[in-house]
Amino acid sequence: MIAECTSCGKKYRVDESKIQGREVRVRCKACGGVILISPPDAPSTPPSPPVASPPPEPTPSQQSALEPPTPVSEDELTFENTPFNPESKPSIKKKKPPVEGMSIKSKITLIMVLLVLASLSVAGFMASRQSRTALSKQAESHLSQHARQKSREYGIVFNRIKDEVLGVAAYASHTYAQEGFTRDMGIRILMPWTGSGYGSPLLEQRLRDEILVMQRIGAVLKSLVENNPFLSLGYFGTETKMTVFDKEETVGVIEDLEGFDVTGRPWYVKAKEAGKTIWTDPYVDANTKKLVVTCATPVYRSDNDLAGVVGFDVLLDTIQSDILTLDIGYRSYAFMVGSEGNVLVRPGMKPKDTRWDATYKTDDLLHTSNPSFNQITRKMVKGGSGVATYSTEEGDRYIAFAPIRAINASMGIVASRDEVVKPADAIQKTIIIIWVVVLALSVLIGLFLGNSITRPINELTVMADEISQGRMDLDVLEETRKDEIGVLTRAFNRLVMSLKLAMSR
């Protein structure tokens, strides 16, 4: 016999031999509605309303009596072995239809992450770059300012020393022009080396007049050197190989040496040959055994004959100590370079084992193994100024330089570029940390927004799919949202109610 579902019209083939009793109730596999099946010889009874008392539970043989008249899938041929309850809804698993490609939630999350990361990356890159540029410009200005300021200060110092040397030379020339000095001032004079010692009674008697002149020059030297902190020694040497110092104890120190000849000292030779005021390269002082540079100028008699040379020693330790007190930062240090590219002053510069009577060799900064540094040195010896950069094995370096025209030299300050941009590196690390935190937050926010949008859409999709399969006993969706999705939900609920009403008719 054939049984038909009154709700959806689904027809089933029924095995009459398996029907027991007057009436059997089973559930429709398509819509879940109730089908009443009676044997042919039993009077038909209209279907009871859904609110009637539950009918007796069908036996397995009665349940298996229901067969579809046409071939269907195996699932539709299987009936549930659970007690029948007409008020209960069919246990049908809601399954979201498959989606091809990227879901809306994934797209929203991806868009959120990309927008946030792109904006943050651009902002971070710009902030890091601008901070590095600002720090570099600030450091360059700072270094250049210190180099110019220090070169001006040393220019003033060296010009003062030069003026004092010229003043002593003028006084010495004037003193030589005078005659009739008879009073011995008691100032010791270093006499010429005789091969076995310094001076002799015969030499002192022969050079008596010049000794009296030199004593008066020595008194002036003493007053000048005492008032200039950069001067370590002042002296006047003559063509007769005598020398007077601002400190008389220096004579005793020199007398302990053998073969000291003032006319062979670097400052004397250079000033005599130049015929004008000169500055020497660094050399080892016979008195202090330390590195000095000397400002020297020749002294002439009234007949233009050379009487001798006046010299003032500037102890490089003094300048070096002054340079080291520069609190510029950036792991910086200062140095001086002469007109020939040789180092005049730099940190750690020592006389080593060089003798007082030997030539002291300093580094030639024009011919180092670093071409870019050599190029900067060439600008320095030409009297240029500015800020430049060069690379070393330890990293990039800034160098600010300015000329010291009084001694025809140049002042340079070297600083580490890594120290300059260290605050920018700290900012960059902070930006990276913020970038990671924002990445995590943007993913969470994207997932939250994606779920809030796609969850109701997924519910609508599942319900629409079930309606397309013939199910009409569905509850309406919650109408809590006020946005466009809420409007769509309310419209869909009205559609479901309309379909139910139409099917019930």
Protein backbone atom coordinates (compact mmCIF):
# COMPACT_ATOMS: atom_id res chain seq x y z
CA MET A 1 0.00 0.00 0.00
CA ILE A 2 1.02 3.66 -0.44
CA ALA A 3 1.18 6.15 2.48
CA GLU A 4 1.36 9.90 1.86
CA CYS A 5 2.57 12.65 4.19
CA THR A 6 -0.19 15.23 4.53
CA SER A 7 2.37 18.01 5.23
CA CYS A 8 4.79 17.72 2.34
CA GLY A 9 3.11 15.15 0.05
CA LYS A 10 5.99 12.66 0.32
CA LYS A 11 4.79 9.12 -0.63
CA TYR A 12 6.07 5.90 0.85
CA ARG A 13 5.53 2.25 0.03
CA VAL A 14 4.21 0.33 3.12
CA ASP A 15 4.52 -3.40 3.79
CA GLU A 16 1.02 -4.28 5.12
CA SER A 17 2.23 -7.45 6.84
CA LYS A 18 4.35 -5.43 9.25
CA ILE A 19 1.47 -3.24 10.45
CA GLN A 20 0.22 -4.32 13.86
CA GLY A 21 -2.94 -2.96 15.39
CA ARG A 22 -5.53 -0.64 13.98
CA GLU A 23 -3.26 2.37 13.46
CA VAL A 24 0.45 3.18 13.29
CA ARG A 25 2.03 6.62 13.50
CA VAL A 26 5.46 7.27 12.03
CA ARG A 27 7.45 10.41 11.25
CA CYS A 28 8.06 11.69 7.72
CA LYS A 29 11.73 11.65 6.82
CA ALA A 30 11.44 14.74 4.63
CA CYS A 31 9.57 17.23 6.83
CA GLY A 32 9.24 15.49 10.16
CA GLY A 33 5.45 15.48 10.00
CA VAL A 34 3.26 12.68 11.40
CA ILE A 35 1.88 9.99 9.03
CA LEU A 36 -1.07 7.81 10.18
CA ILE A 37 -1.05 4.34 8.62
CA SER A 38 -4.00 1.92 8.97
CA PRO A 39 -4.42 -1.53 7.41
CA PRO A 40 -6.91 -1.72 4.50
CA ASP A 41 -9.53 -3.54 6.54
CA ALA A 42 -9.44 -0.99 9.40
CA PRO A 43 -11.60 2.13 9.31
CA SER A 44 -9.61 5.25 8.60
CA THR A 45 -9.35 7.79 11.33
CA PRO A 46 -8.58 11.43 10.70
CA PRO A 47 -5.20 12.56 12.01
CA SER A 48 -5.19 13.86 15.55
CA PRO A 49 -4.12 17.42 16.17
CA PRO A 50 -0.59 17.99 17.47
CA VAL A 51 -1.88 18.71 20.98
CA ALA A 52 -3.56 15.27 21.41
CA SER A 53 -2.16 12.68 23.78
CA PRO A 54 0.90 10.90 22.43
CA PRO A 55 0.11 7.73 20.46
CA PRO A 56 1.67 4.40 21.41
CA GLU A 57 5.30 4.01 20.39
CA PRO A 58 5.66 2.12 17.10
CA THR A 59 7.30 -1.27 17.27
CA PRO A 60 10.42 -1.95 15.17
CA SER A 61 8.35 -4.09 12.81
CA GLN A 62 5.84 -1.27 12.33
CA GLN A 63 8.58 1.26 11.75
CA SER A 64 10.22 -0.93 9.15
CA ALA A 65 6.94 -1.33 7.28
CA LEU A 66 7.32 2.14 5.79
CA GLU A 67 9.21 2.04 2.50
CA PRO A 68 9.41 4.68 -0.23
CA PRO A 69 7.77 3.82 -3.50
CA THR A 70 10.80 4.96 -5.44
CA PRO A 71 14.53 4.38 -4.93
CA VAL A 72 15.96 6.87 -2.44
CA SER A 73 19.18 7.22 -0.46
CA GLU A 74 20.03 4.84 2.37
CA ASP A 75 19.50 7.59 4.94
CA GLU A 76 15.85 7.97 3.99
CA LEU A 77 15.27 4.23 4.44
CA THR A 78 16.43 4.34 8.09
CA PHE A 79 13.90 5.20 10.83
CA GLU A 80 14.77 6.34 14.35
CA ASN A 81 14.30 3.74 17.13
CA THR A 82 13.33 6.41 19.65
CA PRO A 83 9.90 6.83 21.29
CA PHE A 84 7.60 8.81 19.12
CA ASN A 85 6.61 12.23 20.36
CA PRO A 86 4.54 14.33 17.96
CA GLU A 87 5.29 17.58 19.83
CA SER A 88 9.06 17.12 19.55
CA LYS A 89 10.96 18.53 16.60
CA PRO A 90 12.95 16.28 14.35
CA SER A 91 16.57 15.81 15.34
CA ILE A 92 18.18 17.15 12.21
CA LYS A 93 21.75 18.50 12.47
CA LYS A 94 22.09 22.03 11.12
CA LYS A 95 25.06 22.17 8.81
CA LYS A 96 26.38 25.37 7.22
CA PRO A 97 26.72 25.08 3.46
CA PRO A 98 30.37 24.89 2.34
CA VAL A 99 32.05 28.16 1.31
CA GLU A 100 34.65 28.27 -1.42
CA GLY A 101 37.58 30.64 -1.03
CA MET A 102 38.22 32.99 1.90
CA SER A 103 35.36 33.58 4.30
CA ILE A 104 34.04 37.03 5.16
CA LYS A 105 35.40 36.71 8.69
CA SER A 106 38.85 35.95 7.35
CA LYS A 107 38.65 38.86 4.94
CA ILE A 108 37.60 41.27 7.68
CA THR A 109 40.40 40.04 9.95
CA LEU A 110 42.93 40.30 7.14
CA ILE A 111 41.79 43.81 6.22
CA MET A 112 41.99 44.91 9.85
CA VAL A 113 45.48 43.47 10.26
CA LEU A 114 46.76 44.89 6.97
CA LEU A 115 45.34 48.36 7.57
CA VAL A 116 46.67 48.59 11.12
CA LEU A 117 50.06 47.12 10.30
CA ALA A 118 50.47 49.18 7.15
CA SER A 119 49.67 52.44 8.93
CA LEU A 120 51.78 51.54 11.97
CA SER A 121 54.69 50.40 9.81
CA VAL A 122 54.66 53.60 7.78
CA ALA A 123 54.37 55.73 10.92
CA GLY A 124 57.12 53.76 12.66
CA PHE A 125 59.41 53.95 9.65
CA MET A 126 58.89 57.69 9.31
CA ALA A 127 59.38 58.26 13.06
CA SER A 128 62.55 56.17 13.11
CA ARG A 129 63.95 57.84 10.02
CA GLN A 130 63.10 61.34 11.19
CA SER A 131 64.57 60.69 14.63
CA ARG A 132 67.80 59.41 13.07
CA THR A 133 67.96 62.42 10.77
CA ALA A 134 67.24 64.83 13.61
CA LEU A 135 69.84 63.20 15.88
CA SER A 136 72.43 63.21 13.10
CA LYS A 137 71.86 66.88 12.33
CA GLN A 138 71.96 67.74 16.01
CA ALA A 139 75.21 65.82 16.49
CA GLU A 140 76.78 67.41 13.41
CA SER A 141 75.83 70.87 14.61
CA HIS A 142 77.04 70.08 18.13
CA LEU A 143 80.38 68.70 16.97
CA SER A 144 80.94 71.48 14.47
CA GLN A 145 80.19 74.10 17.09
CA HIS A 146 82.68 72.57 19.53
CA ALA A 147 85.36 72.24 16.85
CA ARG A 148 84.98 75.88 15.81
CA GLN A 149 84.86 77.09 19.40
CA LYS A 150 87.91 75.10 20.46
CA SER A 151 89.89 76.13 17.38
CA ARG A 152 89.11 79.79 18.16
CA GLU A 153 90.22 79.30 21.77
CA TYR A 154 93.48 77.68 20.74
CA GLY A 155 93.92 80.31 18.07
CA ILE A 156 93.73 82.95 20.78
CA VAL A 157 96.19 80.99 22.98
CA PHE A 158 98.71 80.47 20.19
CA ASN A 159 98.41 84.05 18.99
CA ARG A 160 99.12 85.21 22.52
CA ILE A 161 102.20 82.98 22.67
CA LYS A 162 103.35 84.26 19.31
CA ASP A 163 102.87 87.87 20.42
CA GLU A 164 104.82 87.20 23.61
CA VAL A 165 107.68 85.61 21.63
CA LEU A 166 107.78 88.63 19.33
CA GLY A 167 107.74 90.91 22.35
CA VAL A 168 110.71 89.13 23.95
CA ALA A 169 112.54 89.20 20.61
CA ALA A 170 111.97 92.96 20.30
CA TYR A 171 113.17 93.48 23.88
CA ALA A 172 116.22 91.29 23.26
CA SER A 173 117.11 93.22 20.10
CA HIS A 174 116.73 96.50 21.99
CA THR A 175 118.85 95.19 24.89
CA TYR A 176 121.64 94.13 22.53
CA ALA A 177 121.69 97.66 21.14
CA GLN A 178 122.38 99.06 24.60
CA GLU A 179 125.90 99.18 26.03
CA GLY A 180 127.51 99.46 29.38
CA PHE A 181 125.72 96.78 31.45
CA THR A 182 127.86 96.16 34.51
CA ARG A 183 125.54 94.74 37.17
CA ASP A 184 125.38 90.95 37.40
CA MET A 185 121.76 89.91 38.09
CA GLY A 186 122.84 86.47 39.30
CA ILE A 187 120.77 84.55 36.73
CA ARG A 188 122.49 81.33 35.63
CA ILE A 189 123.35 80.96 31.99
CA LEU A 190 123.95 77.63 30.23
CA MET A 191 127.40 77.93 28.70
CA PRO A 192 128.53 76.20 25.46
CA TRP A 193 129.54 72.52 25.45
CA THR A 194 133.32 72.26 25.38
CA GLY A 195 133.60 68.53 24.86
CA SER A 196 134.05 67.71 28.51
CA GLY A 197 131.60 70.06 30.17
CA TYR A 198 129.70 73.30 29.83
CA GLY A 199 131.68 76.52 29.89
CA SER A 200 135.01 77.53 31.35
CA PRO A 201 136.44 80.59 33.11
CA LEU A 202 137.98 81.70 29.85
CA LEU A 203 134.64 81.51 28.02
CA GLU A 204 132.85 83.35 30.80
CA GLN A 205 135.38 86.15 30.64
CA ARG A 206 135.22 86.39 26.85
CA LEU A 207 131.39 86.35 26.74
CA ARG A 208 130.90 88.55 29.82
CA ASP A 209 129.04 91.39 28.08
CA GLU A 210 126.60 89.05 26.30
CA ILE A 211 125.98 87.16 29.55
CA LEU A 212 124.82 90.40 31.20
CA VAL A 213 122.44 91.05 28.26
CA MET A 214 121.06 87.53 28.47
CA GLN A 215 120.40 87.85 32.21
CA ARG A 216 118.08 90.75 31.53
CA ILE A 217 116.30 88.80 28.81
CA GLY A 218 115.93 85.89 31.24
CA ALA A 219 114.14 88.13 33.76
CA VAL A 220 111.55 89.04 31.11
CA LEU A 221 111.13 85.38 30.16
CA LYS A 222 110.39 84.47 33.76
CA SER A 223 107.60 87.03 34.14
CA LEU A 224 105.89 85.98 30.89
CA VAL A 225 106.00 82.20 31.40
CA GLU A 226 104.68 82.44 34.95
CA ASN A 227 101.52 84.15 33.70
CA ASN A 228 100.74 81.79 30.82
CA PRO A 229 99.42 78.33 31.87
CA PHE A 230 100.04 76.86 28.41
CA LEU A 231 103.78 77.59 28.48
CA SER A 232 106.11 75.05 30.03
CA LEU A 233 109.41 76.82 29.31
CA GLY A 234 110.82 80.00 27.80
CA TYR A 235 114.41 80.45 26.64
CA PHE A 236 116.79 82.42 24.49
CA GLY A 237 119.71 80.79 22.68
CA THR A 238 122.51 82.66 21.00
CA GLU A 239 124.86 82.13 18.11
CA THR A 240 127.59 81.82 20.73
CA LYS A 241 125.76 78.66 21.94
CA MET A 242 124.72 80.12 25.29
CA THR A 243 121.15 79.71 26.60
CA VAL A 244 119.11 81.48 29.26
CA PHE A 245 115.90 79.94 30.67
CA ASP A 246 112.98 81.31 32.61
CA LYS A 247 113.73 78.66 35.26
CA GLU A 248 117.33 78.54 36.46
CA GLU A 249 117.00 74.90 37.57
CA THR A 250 116.70 73.96 33.93
CA VAL A 251 120.40 74.78 33.53
CA GLY A 252 121.27 72.02 35.98
CA VAL A 253 119.06 69.52 34.10
CA ILE A 254 120.72 70.32 30.77
CA GLU A 255 124.20 70.18 32.28
CA ASP A 256 123.53 66.52 33.12
CA LEU A 257 123.30 65.85 29.39
CA GLU A 258 126.24 65.53 27.07
CA GLY A 259 126.69 67.50 23.90
CA PHE A 260 123.73 69.85 24.15
CA ASP A 261 124.06 72.48 21.43
CA VAL A 262 121.29 75.06 21.36
CA THR A 263 122.03 76.01 17.76
CA GLY A 264 121.22 72.45 16.66
CA ARG A 265 117.80 72.24 18.27
CA PRO A 266 114.81 71.95 15.87
CA TRP A 267 113.24 75.26 16.88
CA TYR A 268 116.52 77.16 16.52
CA VAL A 269 117.35 75.70 13.12
CA LYS A 270 113.87 76.23 11.70
CA ALA A 271 113.56 79.84 12.94
CA LYS A 272 117.06 80.73 11.71
CA GLU A 273 116.36 79.31 8.25
CA ALA A 274 112.90 80.89 7.99
CA GLY A 275 113.98 84.28 9.32
CA LYS A 276 110.55 84.73 10.93
CA THR A 277 108.31 83.34 13.65
CA ILE A 278 107.69 79.61 13.27
CA TRP A 279 105.95 76.71 15.03
CA THR A 280 107.76 73.41 15.20
CA ASP A 281 106.45 69.91 14.83
CA PRO A 282 106.29 67.88 18.05
CA TYR A 283 109.66 66.88 19.47
CA VAL A 284 111.03 65.56 22.77
CA ASP A 285 112.05 68.37 25.12
CA ALA A 286 115.57 68.00 26.53
CA ASN A 287 114.38 69.44 29.83
CA THR A 288 111.10 67.63 30.55
CA LYS A 289 111.64 64.64 28.22
CA LYS A 290 108.05 65.19 27.08
CA LEU A 291 106.53 66.14 23.76
CA VAL A 292 106.39 69.84 23.06
CA VAL A 293 105.85 72.25 20.22
CA THR A 294 107.81 75.48 20.17
CA CYS A 295 107.06 78.94 18.93
CA ALA A 296 110.36 80.57 18.01
CA THR A 297 111.51 83.75 16.33
CA PRO A 298 114.96 85.09 15.45
CA VAL A 299 116.57 88.05 17.24
CA TYR A 300 118.75 90.42 15.20
CA ARG A 301 121.28 93.00 16.27
CA SER A 302 121.19 96.55 14.99
CA ASP A 303 123.47 95.55 12.15
CA ASN A 304 120.97 92.76 11.16
CA ASP A 305 123.34 90.06 12.34
CA LEU A 306 121.59 87.12 13.99
CA ALA A 307 122.05 87.30 17.75
CA GLY A 308 120.00 84.24 18.59
CA VAL A 309 116.49 82.76 18.75
CA VAL A 310 113.75 83.16 21.37
CA GLY A 311 111.59 80.11 21.97
CA PHE A 312 108.52 79.24 24.08
CA ASP A 313 107.61 75.60 24.67
CA VAL A 314 103.98 74.48 24.71
CA LEU A 315 103.73 71.15 26.51
CA LEU A 316 101.46 68.86 24.48
CA ASP A 317 100.33 67.15 27.68
CA THR A 318 98.72 70.44 28.66
CA ILE A 319 96.77 70.71 25.41
CA GLN A 320 95.97 67.01 25.50
CA SER A 321 94.59 67.29 29.04
CA ASP A 322 92.56 70.30 28.00
CA ILE A 323 91.18 68.43 24.99
CA LEU A 324 90.24 65.43 27.11
CA THR A 325 88.09 67.64 29.32
CA LEU A 326 85.74 68.26 26.39
CA ASP A 327 82.45 66.73 27.48
CA ILE A 328 80.88 66.31 24.06
CA GLY A 329 79.62 62.75 24.41
CA TYR A 330 79.22 60.25 21.57
CA ARG A 331 82.48 58.53 22.63
CA SER A 332 84.36 61.41 21.02
CA TYR A 333 87.95 62.56 21.11
CA ALA A 334 89.85 65.53 19.70
CA PHE A 335 93.16 65.87 17.88
CA MET A 336 95.32 68.40 16.05
CA VAL A 337 97.02 67.96 12.72
CA GLY A 338 99.84 70.09 11.31
CA SER A 339 100.21 71.69 7.91
CA GLU A 340 102.04 68.63 6.56
CA GLY A 341 99.39 66.17 7.75
CA ASN A 342 101.36 65.01 10.76
CA VAL A 343 99.66 64.59 14.16
CA LEU A 344 100.37 67.37 16.64
CA VAL A 345 98.11 66.28 19.49
CA ARG A 346 95.86 63.33 20.10
CA PRO A 347 94.85 61.18 23.11
CA GLY A 348 97.51 58.70 24.18
CA MET A 349 100.30 60.40 22.29
CA LYS A 350 103.60 59.61 24.08
CA PRO A 351 107.30 60.22 23.31
CA LYS A 352 107.89 56.46 23.53
CA ASP A 353 111.63 55.74 23.46
CA THR A 354 112.63 58.71 21.34
CA ARG A 355 115.73 60.49 22.67
CA TRP A 356 115.73 64.24 23.24
CA ASP A 357 118.34 64.68 20.53
CA ALA A 358 116.54 62.48 17.95
CA THR A 359 113.73 63.31 15.56
CA TYR A 360 110.27 62.35 16.79
CA LYS A 361 108.08 60.74 14.14
CA THR A 362 104.33 61.23 14.33
CA ASP A 363 101.60 59.58 12.27
CA ASP A 364 101.02 60.92 8.79
CA LEU A 365 97.27 61.33 8.47
CA LEU A 366 97.49 62.03 4.75
CA HIS A 367 98.63 58.48 4.02
CA THR A 368 96.59 56.12 6.18
CA SER A 369 94.90 52.90 5.06
CA ASN A 370 91.52 54.70 5.01
CA PRO A 371 91.06 56.68 1.75
CA SER A 372 87.99 58.58 2.98
CA PHE A 373 89.85 59.71 6.11
CA ASN A 374 92.84 60.77 3.99
CA GLN A 375 90.53 62.92 1.89
CA ILE A 376 89.16 64.61 5.02
CA THR A 377 92.72 65.25 6.26
CA ARG A 378 93.58 66.98 2.99
CA LYS A 379 90.69 69.38 3.58
CA MET A 380 91.97 70.00 7.12
CA VAL A 381 95.56 70.85 6.11
CA LYS A 382 94.20 73.24 3.48
CA GLY A 383 92.43 75.20 6.21
CA GLY A 384 88.92 73.92 5.52
CA SER A 385 86.14 73.44 8.05
CA GLY A 386 82.97 71.38 8.26
CA VAL A 387 81.63 67.95 9.20
CA ALA A 388 82.29 64.71 7.32
CA THR A 389 81.83 60.98 7.83
CA TYR A 390 84.08 58.00 7.22
CA SER A 391 83.89 54.28 7.93
CA THR A 392 86.11 52.09 10.07
CA GLU A 393 86.06 48.46 11.16
CA GLU A 394 84.43 49.57 14.42
CA GLY A 395 81.66 51.48 12.64
CA ASP A 396 80.96 54.85 11.03
CA ARG A 397 82.51 58.01 12.43
CA TYR A 398 81.71 61.72 12.34
CA ILE A 399 84.58 64.20 12.18
CA ALA A 400 84.12 67.94 12.70
CA PHE A 401 87.12 70.11 11.89
CA ALA A 402 88.15 73.77 11.91
CA PRO A 403 91.48 75.54 11.23
CA ILE A 404 93.85 77.00 13.83
CA ARG A 405 95.45 79.61 11.61
CA ALA A 406 97.86 80.91 14.27
CA ILE A 407 99.97 77.76 13.96
CA ASN A 408 98.83 76.69 10.48
CA ALA A 409 97.14 73.59 11.93
CA SER A 410 93.65 72.17 12.24
CA MET A 411 91.48 70.93 15.09
CA GLY A 412 89.36 67.79 14.63
CA ILE A 413 86.75 66.10 16.81
CA VAL A 414 85.83 62.47 16.05
CA ALA A 415 82.60 60.89 17.34
CA SER A 416 80.95 57.49 16.95
CA ARG A 417 77.86 57.52 14.72
CA ASP A 418 76.42 54.54 16.61
CA GLU A 419 76.43 56.61 19.79
CA VAL A 420 74.77 59.48 17.96
CA VAL A 421 71.83 57.38 16.74
CA LYS A 422 71.55 55.23 19.89
CA PRO A 423 68.35 57.06 21.04
CA ALA A 424 66.86 56.37 17.60
CA ASP A 425 67.67 52.66 17.99
CA ALA A 426 65.85 52.67 21.34
CA ILE A 427 62.86 54.33 19.68
CA GLN A 428 62.96 51.71 16.91
CA LYS A 429 62.90 48.86 19.45
CA THR A 430 59.92 50.47 21.17
CA ILE A 431 58.16 50.77 17.82
CA ILE A 432 58.76 47.07 17.12
CA ILE A 433 57.28 46.12 20.50
CA ILE A 434 54.25 48.33 19.85
CA TRP A 435 53.98 46.81 16.36
CA VAL A 436 53.78 43.28 17.80
CA VAL A 437 51.22 44.29 20.45
CA VAL A 438 49.07 46.09 17.89
CA LEU A 439 49.31 43.07 15.58
CA ALA A 440 47.86 40.82 18.28
CA LEU A 441 45.15 43.35 19.14
CA SER A 442 44.21 43.88 15.51
CA VAL A 443 43.86 40.11 15.00
CA LEU A 444 41.59 39.83 18.05
CA ILE A 445 39.54 42.85 17.04
CA GLY A 446 39.29 41.57 13.46
CA LEU A 447 38.09 38.16 14.67
CA PHE A 448 35.56 39.81 16.99
CA LEU A 449 34.18 42.08 14.27
CA GLY A 450 34.18 39.22 11.78
CA ASN A 451 32.22 36.98 14.14
CA SER A 452 29.73 39.73 14.94
CA ILE A 453 29.02 40.13 11.22
CA THR A 454 29.28 36.56 9.94
CA ARG A 455 27.50 34.71 12.78
CA PRO A 456 24.00 36.05 11.98
CA ILE A 457 24.73 35.68 8.26
CA ASN A 458 25.68 32.03 8.85
CA GLU A 459 22.41 31.48 10.79
CA LEU A 460 20.43 32.97 7.92
CA THR A 461 22.34 30.82 5.44
CA VAL A 462 21.64 27.61 7.38
CA MET A 463 17.93 28.42 7.73
CA ALA A 464 17.60 29.31 4.06
CA ASP A 465 19.33 26.04 3.15
CA GLU A 466 16.92 24.05 5.36
CA ILE A 467 13.89 25.79 3.88
CA SER A 468 15.18 24.93 0.41
CA GLN A 469 15.18 21.27 1.50
CA GLY A 470 11.49 21.40 2.50
CA ARG A 471 11.69 22.07 6.24
CA MET A 472 9.07 24.50 7.50
CA ASP A 473 8.96 23.80 11.27
CA LEU A 474 11.75 26.31 11.99
CA ASP A 475 11.89 28.92 14.70
CA VAL A 476 12.40 32.51 13.79
CA LEU A 477 15.80 34.11 14.46
CA GLU A 478 16.44 36.56 17.28
CA GLU A 479 15.89 40.19 16.29
CA THR A 480 18.30 41.99 18.61
CA ARG A 481 20.42 43.93 16.15
CA LYS A 482 19.47 47.37 14.84
CA ASP A 483 21.86 47.58 11.91
CA GLU A 484 21.55 46.31 8.33
CA ILE A 485 21.94 42.69 9.47
CA GLY A 486 19.06 43.21 11.91
CA VAL A 487 16.91 44.54 9.06
CA LEU A 488 17.83 41.45 6.99
CA THR A 489 16.97 39.14 9.89
CA ARG A 490 13.53 40.69 10.40
CA ALA A 491 12.82 40.47 6.67
CA PHE A 492 13.89 36.80 6.64
CA ASN A 493 11.67 36.01 9.64
CA ARG A 494 8.69 37.55 7.82
CA LEU A 495 9.53 35.38 4.81
CA VAL A 496 9.57 32.21 6.97
CA MET A 497 6.22 33.08 8.55
CA SER A 498 4.73 33.80 5.17
CA LEU A 499 5.92 30.44 3.81
CA LYS A 500 4.54 28.60 6.84
CA LEU A 501 1.19 30.32 6.41
CA ALA A 502 1.14 29.54 2.69
CA MET A 503 1.99 25.84 3.29
CA SER A 504 -0.65 25.50 5.98
CA ARG A 505 -3.29 26.57 3.53
